[in-house]
Amino acid sequence: MSARAGDRPTAGVLTGVGVGPGDPELLTLRAVRVLREADAVFVPVMDRPAAEGDAPPGRAEATVAAHVAADRLRRLPFALDDRGGVTARRERAWDDAARAVVAAIDAGARSVAFATIGDPNVYSTFGYLAHGVRALRPAVEVRTVPGVTAMQELAARSGVPLCEGREPLTLLPATAGLAPVADALAGPGTVVVYKGWRRHPELLDELRRQDRLGDAVLGRALGLPDERIGPVDDDADDLPYLSTLLVRARRDRRGGKL
């Protein structure tokens, strides 16, 4: 529905919906319901192509398309491959995306959903989008629907429990640098590293240095047709950006960490 001329724009609800790592069967019932009931459904896409139609579907879009008609999906370009911190390109994409969501709300959409891979509260683009929308329309209510994370999927597929008893669980991005990863590997718990493709050689060296290579499993393209799960090796030529490294805690006996 559209707002009548002269009507004041009314606040709506923006919901970040976690759609899991890539397998459409991992969406929760709530996620599917929110996506199907939303007046507008937005999905992230790379901002590089000159024309929106040139961009291939992103992982979130491909996942959601199994549950929502493709013609209902609206793309929001983001600088997803920008690794330079808060760049002008990245801020421009955030601002443009926020304006697109606000425009949908001003046009009458009472409920807007944004699909994000994994969980919307774990290293997600949704936080930046929500910040921009709140700045433009403070009355918009922001909600989230949790999703299955890549580390949960990798643990399930590899048969490695993430944590037991008193063990800590450390999740960090390789983009934070090698030092935090090295410190975590020296600790007593399981370590999960996201976004490690550019630092793969360094991570491999650190695993060897701390004698943790045998405890590690690498997940590539989780939930996708070309998914690969297995030991960590030197082959980084085809390592995707969204690869996940899981290093299990050292456990010598059942219940040893209780």
Protein backbone atom coordinates (compact mmCIF):
# COMPACT_ATOMS: atom_id res chain seq x y z
CA MET A 1 0.00 0.00 0.00
CA SER A 2 1.11 3.59 -0.58
CA ALA A 3 0.95 6.64 1.60
CA ARG A 4 -1.60 9.25 0.40
CA ALA A 5 -0.31 12.63 -0.64
CA GLY A 6 -0.04 14.90 2.35
CA ASP A 7 0.03 12.06 4.89
CA ARG A 8 2.87 12.12 7.37
CA PRO A 9 5.17 9.10 7.05
CA THR A 10 4.48 6.59 9.80
CA ALA A 11 7.07 4.54 11.65
CA GLY A 12 7.33 0.86 10.85
CA VAL A 13 9.30 -2.17 11.96
CA LEU A 14 12.68 -3.18 10.56
CA THR A 15 13.64 -6.79 11.31
CA GLY A 16 17.05 -8.29 10.70
CA VAL A 17 16.45 -11.93 9.86
CA GLY A 18 19.24 -14.46 10.26
CA VAL A 19 19.05 -16.97 7.41
CA GLY A 20 21.91 -19.25 8.39
CA PRO A 21 25.14 -20.03 6.55
CA GLY A 22 23.62 -20.98 3.20
CA ASP A 23 21.41 -24.06 3.49
CA PRO A 24 17.74 -23.02 3.04
CA GLU A 25 16.68 -25.80 5.41
CA LEU A 26 18.44 -24.09 8.32
CA LEU A 27 16.05 -21.13 8.48
CA THR A 28 13.92 -21.11 11.61
CA LEU A 29 10.14 -21.18 11.43
CA ARG A 30 10.07 -17.62 12.74
CA ALA A 31 12.52 -16.46 10.09
CA VAL A 32 10.39 -17.91 7.29
CA ARG A 33 7.22 -16.41 8.75
CA VAL A 34 8.71 -12.92 9.17
CA LEU A 35 10.11 -12.96 5.64
CA ARG A 36 6.83 -14.09 4.11
CA GLU A 37 4.71 -11.63 6.07
CA ALA A 38 6.94 -8.59 5.50
CA ASP A 39 5.70 -5.81 3.23
CA ALA A 40 9.22 -5.45 1.85
CA VAL A 41 12.15 -7.89 1.92
CA PHE A 42 15.66 -6.57 1.32
CA VAL A 43 18.77 -8.64 0.61
CA PRO A 44 22.41 -7.53 0.44
CA VAL A 45 24.33 -7.60 -2.85
CA MET A 46 27.81 -6.53 -3.90
CA ASP A 47 27.94 -2.91 -5.01
CA ARG A 48 30.61 -3.35 -7.69
CA PRO A 49 28.55 -4.10 -10.85
CA ALA A 50 27.57 -1.09 -12.93
CA ALA A 51 23.97 -2.26 -13.08
CA GLU A 52 22.08 -3.97 -10.29
CA GLY A 53 20.92 -6.72 -12.62
CA ASP A 54 24.53 -7.68 -13.36
CA ALA A 55 25.21 -8.83 -9.81
CA PRO A 56 24.79 -12.54 -9.10
CA PRO A 57 22.60 -13.41 -6.11
CA GLY A 58 24.41 -13.19 -2.81
CA ARG A 59 24.30 -16.01 -0.29
CA ALA A 60 21.44 -14.46 1.67
CA GLU A 61 19.39 -13.83 -1.47
CA ALA A 62 19.89 -17.37 -2.76
CA THR A 63 18.87 -18.79 0.61
CA VAL A 64 15.76 -16.64 0.98
CA ALA A 65 14.65 -17.37 -2.59
CA ALA A 66 13.83 -20.92 -1.48
CA HIS A 67 11.11 -19.52 0.80
CA VAL A 68 10.05 -16.19 -0.74
CA ALA A 69 9.19 -15.41 -4.36
CA ALA A 70 12.20 -13.87 -6.09
CA ASP A 71 10.16 -10.93 -7.43
CA ARG A 72 9.47 -9.83 -3.84
CA LEU A 73 13.16 -9.40 -3.04
CA ARG A 74 14.77 -5.96 -3.24
CA ARG A 75 18.54 -5.68 -3.43
CA LEU A 76 20.59 -3.34 -1.27
CA PRO A 77 24.15 -2.80 -2.57
CA PHE A 78 26.87 -2.92 0.09
CA ALA A 79 30.65 -2.64 -0.11
CA LEU A 80 30.95 -6.25 1.02
CA ASP A 81 34.46 -6.70 -0.35
CA ASP A 82 35.87 -3.48 1.11
CA ARG A 83 38.54 -4.35 3.69
CA GLY A 84 39.80 -0.84 4.35
CA GLY A 85 37.85 -0.01 7.51
CA VAL A 86 35.25 2.76 7.38
CA THR A 87 35.88 3.97 3.84
CA ALA A 88 33.90 6.54 1.87
CA ARG A 89 32.63 3.76 -0.37
CA ARG A 90 31.42 1.74 2.59
CA GLU A 91 29.73 4.70 4.30
CA ARG A 92 28.04 5.70 1.06
CA ALA A 93 26.62 2.19 0.70
CA TRP A 94 25.37 2.18 4.30
CA ASP A 95 23.69 5.55 3.83
CA ASP A 96 22.10 4.60 0.51
CA ALA A 97 20.78 1.36 1.99
CA ALA A 98 19.26 3.16 4.97
CA ARG A 99 17.57 5.66 2.67
CA ALA A 100 16.11 2.83 0.57
CA VAL A 101 14.61 1.19 3.66
CA VAL A 102 13.22 4.49 4.91
CA ALA A 103 11.73 5.17 1.47
CA ALA A 104 9.91 1.84 1.63
CA ILE A 105 8.55 2.69 5.07
CA ASP A 106 7.51 6.18 3.98
CA ALA A 107 5.72 4.60 1.01
CA GLY A 108 3.59 2.54 3.36
CA ALA A 109 5.54 -0.59 4.25
CA ARG A 110 4.74 -1.31 7.89
CA SER A 111 7.09 -4.26 8.17
CA VAL A 112 10.47 -4.44 6.46
CA ALA A 113 12.77 -7.46 6.65
CA PHE A 114 16.48 -7.57 5.90
CA ALA A 115 17.95 -11.02 5.31
CA THR A 116 21.47 -11.57 6.58
CA ILE A 117 23.57 -14.71 6.54
CA GLY A 118 24.22 -16.32 9.89
CA ASP A 119 22.81 -14.32 12.79
CA PRO A 120 21.98 -10.58 12.62
CA ASN A 121 23.82 -9.94 15.89
CA VAL A 122 27.05 -11.72 14.96
CA TYR A 123 29.37 -9.83 12.57
CA SER A 124 26.43 -8.80 10.42
CA THR A 125 25.83 -5.94 8.00
CA PHE A 126 22.44 -5.49 9.62
CA GLY A 127 23.83 -3.48 12.53
CA TYR A 128 25.13 -0.78 10.19
CA LEU A 129 21.83 -0.69 8.32
CA ALA A 130 19.81 -0.42 11.52
CA HIS A 131 22.05 2.41 12.74
CA GLY A 132 21.42 4.37 9.55
CA VAL A 133 17.67 3.80 9.61
CA ARG A 134 17.44 4.88 13.26
CA ALA A 135 19.35 8.06 12.44
CA LEU A 136 16.85 8.93 9.71
CA ARG A 137 13.69 7.67 11.44
CA PRO A 138 14.19 7.30 15.22
CA ALA A 139 10.62 6.02 15.63
CA VAL A 140 11.27 2.91 13.52
CA GLU A 141 11.29 -0.18 15.72
CA VAL A 142 14.25 -2.49 15.15
CA ARG A 143 13.97 -6.21 15.83
CA THR A 144 16.06 -9.28 15.06
CA VAL A 145 15.35 -12.94 14.42
CA PRO A 146 18.29 -15.17 15.39
CA GLY A 147 19.83 -17.49 12.84
CA VAL A 148 22.14 -20.48 12.77
CA THR A 149 25.76 -19.33 12.64
CA ALA A 150 28.57 -20.73 10.52
CA MET A 151 30.38 -22.01 13.60
CA GLN A 152 27.31 -23.97 14.67
CA GLU A 153 26.94 -25.47 11.21
CA LEU A 154 30.64 -26.38 11.06
CA ALA A 155 30.48 -27.96 14.52
CA ALA A 156 27.45 -30.01 13.48
CA ARG A 157 28.94 -31.11 10.16
CA SER A 158 32.36 -31.98 11.60
CA GLY A 159 31.12 -33.58 14.83
CA VAL A 160 33.14 -31.22 17.02
CA PRO A 161 31.36 -29.91 20.16
CA LEU A 162 31.95 -26.18 20.46
CA CYS A 163 32.29 -26.14 24.24
CA GLU A 164 31.87 -28.39 27.25
CA GLY A 165 31.79 -27.85 31.01
CA ARG A 166 33.87 -24.82 32.01
CA GLU A 167 35.49 -24.32 28.61
CA PRO A 168 35.38 -20.84 27.12
CA LEU A 169 34.40 -20.35 23.49
CA THR A 170 36.23 -17.64 21.56
CA LEU A 171 34.92 -16.26 18.27
CA LEU A 172 36.95 -13.63 16.46
CA PRO A 173 37.61 -12.37 12.93
CA ALA A 174 41.01 -12.89 11.35
CA THR A 175 40.76 -9.27 10.25
CA ALA A 176 41.51 -8.30 13.88
CA GLY A 177 45.07 -9.54 13.40
CA LEU A 178 47.07 -12.60 14.35
CA ALA A 179 47.85 -11.68 17.98
CA PRO A 180 44.29 -12.21 19.34
CA VAL A 181 44.10 -15.55 17.53
CA ALA A 182 47.45 -16.66 18.95
CA ASP A 183 46.36 -15.71 22.47
CA ALA A 184 43.09 -17.62 22.10
CA LEU A 185 44.83 -20.72 20.73
CA ALA A 186 47.05 -20.76 23.81
CA GLY A 187 43.96 -20.81 26.06
CA PRO A 188 41.82 -23.70 27.32
CA GLY A 189 38.80 -23.45 25.02
CA THR A 190 37.61 -23.83 21.46
CA VAL A 191 38.59 -21.08 19.03
CA VAL A 192 36.58 -20.10 15.96
CA VAL A 193 38.03 -17.73 13.37
CA TYR A 194 35.90 -16.06 10.69
CA LYS A 195 37.05 -14.29 7.51
CA GLY A 196 40.47 -15.93 7.47
CA TRP A 197 41.14 -16.24 3.76
CA ARG A 198 43.74 -13.47 3.44
CA ARG A 199 45.54 -14.55 6.60
CA HIS A 200 45.42 -18.27 5.87
CA PRO A 201 49.22 -18.73 5.62
CA GLU A 202 49.75 -16.87 8.93
CA LEU A 203 47.01 -18.84 10.66
CA LEU A 204 48.50 -22.07 9.36
CA ASP A 205 51.93 -21.13 10.70
CA GLU A 206 50.47 -20.28 14.11
CA LEU A 207 48.57 -23.57 14.30
CA ARG A 208 51.82 -25.40 13.58
CA ARG A 209 53.77 -23.31 16.08
CA GLN A 210 51.32 -24.12 18.87
CA ASP A 211 50.92 -27.75 17.74
CA ARG A 212 47.19 -27.22 17.12
CA LEU A 213 46.98 -28.26 13.48
CA GLY A 214 45.50 -31.63 14.39
CA ASP A 215 42.75 -29.93 16.40
CA ALA A 216 41.63 -27.72 13.51
CA VAL A 217 38.92 -28.12 10.88
CA LEU A 218 38.20 -25.71 8.04
CA GLY A 219 34.79 -25.08 6.50
CA ARG A 220 34.56 -23.53 3.04
CA ALA A 221 31.33 -22.39 1.38
CA LEU A 222 29.20 -23.91 4.14
CA GLY A 223 25.70 -24.78 3.02
CA LEU A 224 26.49 -24.28 -0.67
CA PRO A 225 26.89 -26.86 -3.46
CA ASP A 226 30.70 -26.45 -3.45
CA GLU A 227 30.97 -26.85 0.33
CA ARG A 228 34.20 -28.37 1.64
CA ILE A 229 34.88 -29.41 5.22
CA GLY A 230 38.14 -30.97 6.31
CA PRO A 231 41.63 -30.54 7.74
CA VAL A 232 43.51 -27.28 7.40
CA ASP A 233 46.12 -27.37 4.64
CA ASP A 234 48.31 -25.12 2.53
CA ASP A 235 45.79 -24.83 -0.30
CA ALA A 236 44.43 -21.31 -0.01
CA ASP A 237 43.97 -20.59 -3.71
CA ASP A 238 40.22 -21.19 -3.61
CA LEU A 239 39.60 -20.18 -0.01
CA PRO A 240 36.47 -17.97 0.08
CA TYR A 241 36.22 -14.88 2.26
CA LEU A 242 33.48 -16.44 4.38
CA SER A 243 35.48 -19.50 5.39
CA THR A 244 35.37 -20.69 8.99
CA LEU A 245 38.21 -22.16 11.05
CA LEU A 246 37.34 -24.20 14.13
CA VAL A 247 40.04 -25.31 16.57
CA ARG A 248 38.66 -27.65 19.19
CA ALA A 249 39.57 -27.40 22.85
CA ARG A 250 42.07 -29.95 24.12
CA ARG A 251 40.09 -32.69 25.86
CA ASP A 252 41.76 -35.70 27.45
CA ARG A 253 38.72 -37.50 28.87
CA ARG A 254 34.93 -37.38 29.06
CA GLY A 255 33.74 -34.70 31.45
CA GLY A 256 37.27 -33.53 32.08
CA LYS A 257 36.23 -29.86 32.02
CA LEU A 258 33.27 -30.14 34.40
